[in-house]
Amino acid sequence: MLGYVISAKFSTKCFKSGDHLVIDGEATAILPTLTLDELHSAD
């Protein structure tokens, strides 16, 4: 362990679509590592 923690915080907002209701909320994920993957195009 390197002595630090990487966390990602997510949030949502409240909206209604027909009979479905999404309520404002938050979540936090603790990540063991943080890396950036390269995106490959399908040429």
C-alpha atoms as a PDB file:
ATOM      1  CA  MET A   1       0.000   0.000   0.000  1.00  0.00           C
ATOM      2  CA  LEU A   2       1.303   3.402  -0.950  1.00  0.00           C
ATOM      3  CA  GLY A   3      -0.370   5.327   1.874  1.00  0.00           C
ATOM      4  CA  TYR A   4      -3.067   7.122  -0.107  1.00  0.00           C
ATOM      5  CA  VAL A   5      -6.636   6.419  -1.166  1.00  0.00           C
ATOM      6  CA  ILE A   6      -8.219   7.219  -4.520  1.00  0.00           C
ATOM      7  CA  SER A   7     -11.941   7.894  -4.400  1.00  0.00           C
ATOM      8  CA  ALA A   8     -14.463   8.783  -7.085  1.00  0.00           C
ATOM      9  CA  LYS A   9     -17.672  10.580  -6.191  1.00  0.00           C
ATOM     10  CA  PHE A  10     -20.790  10.256  -8.339  1.00  0.00           C
ATOM     11  CA  SER A  11     -23.993  12.271  -8.113  1.00  0.00           C
ATOM     12  CA  THR A  12     -27.468  12.112  -9.641  1.00  0.00           C
ATOM     13  CA  LYS A  13     -30.280  14.615  -9.937  1.00  0.00           C
ATOM     14  CA  CYS A  14     -34.029  14.142  -9.559  1.00  0.00           C
ATOM     15  CA  PHE A  15     -36.175  13.734 -12.654  1.00  0.00           C
ATOM     16  CA  LYS A  16     -39.374  11.957 -13.666  1.00  0.00           C
ATOM     17  CA  SER A  17     -40.116  10.171 -16.928  1.00  0.00           C
ATOM     18  CA  GLY A  18     -43.560   8.599 -17.080  1.00  0.00           C
ATOM     19  CA  ASP A  19     -43.935   6.337 -14.036  1.00  0.00           C
ATOM     20  CA  HIS A  20     -40.179   6.303 -13.302  1.00  0.00           C
ATOM     21  CA  LEU A  21     -38.680   8.642 -10.687  1.00  0.00           C
ATOM     22  CA  VAL A  22     -34.959   9.130 -10.126  1.00  0.00           C
ATOM     23  CA  ILE A  23     -34.056  10.840  -6.851  1.00  0.00           C
ATOM     24  CA  ASP A  24     -31.013  13.029  -6.151  1.00  0.00           C
ATOM     25  CA  GLY A  25     -28.233  11.041  -4.537  1.00  0.00           C
ATOM     26  CA  GLU A  26     -24.514  10.467  -4.192  1.00  0.00           C
ATOM     27  CA  ALA A  27     -22.148   7.508  -4.105  1.00  0.00           C
ATOM     28  CA  THR A  28     -18.441   7.201  -3.420  1.00  0.00           C
ATOM     29  CA  ALA A  29     -16.209   4.412  -4.728  1.00  0.00           C
ATOM     30  CA  ILE A  30     -12.828   3.622  -3.163  1.00  0.00           C
ATOM     31  CA  LEU A  31     -10.420   2.629  -5.942  1.00  0.00           C
ATOM     32  CA  PRO A  32      -7.320   0.453  -5.403  1.00  0.00           C
ATOM     33  CA  THR A  33      -5.582   2.119  -8.360  1.00  0.00           C
ATOM     34  CA  LEU A  34      -6.223   4.740 -10.990  1.00  0.00           C
ATOM     35  CA  THR A  35      -5.090   4.180 -14.578  1.00  0.00           C
ATOM     36  CA  LEU A  36      -6.062   5.664 -17.912  1.00  0.00           C
ATOM     37  CA  ASP A  37      -6.739   3.118 -20.650  1.00  0.00           C
ATOM     38  CA  GLU A  38      -6.144   4.055 -24.278  1.00  0.00           C
ATOM     39  CA  LEU A  39      -9.207   4.074 -26.518  1.00  0.00           C
ATOM     40  CA  HIS A  40      -8.813   2.138 -29.750  1.00  0.00           C
ATOM     41  CA  SER A  41     -10.936   3.059 -32.757  1.00  0.00           C
ATOM     42  CA  ALA A  42     -12.425   0.348 -34.974  1.00  0.00           C
ATOM     43  CA  ASP A  43     -10.871   1.485 -38.281  1.00  0.00           C
END
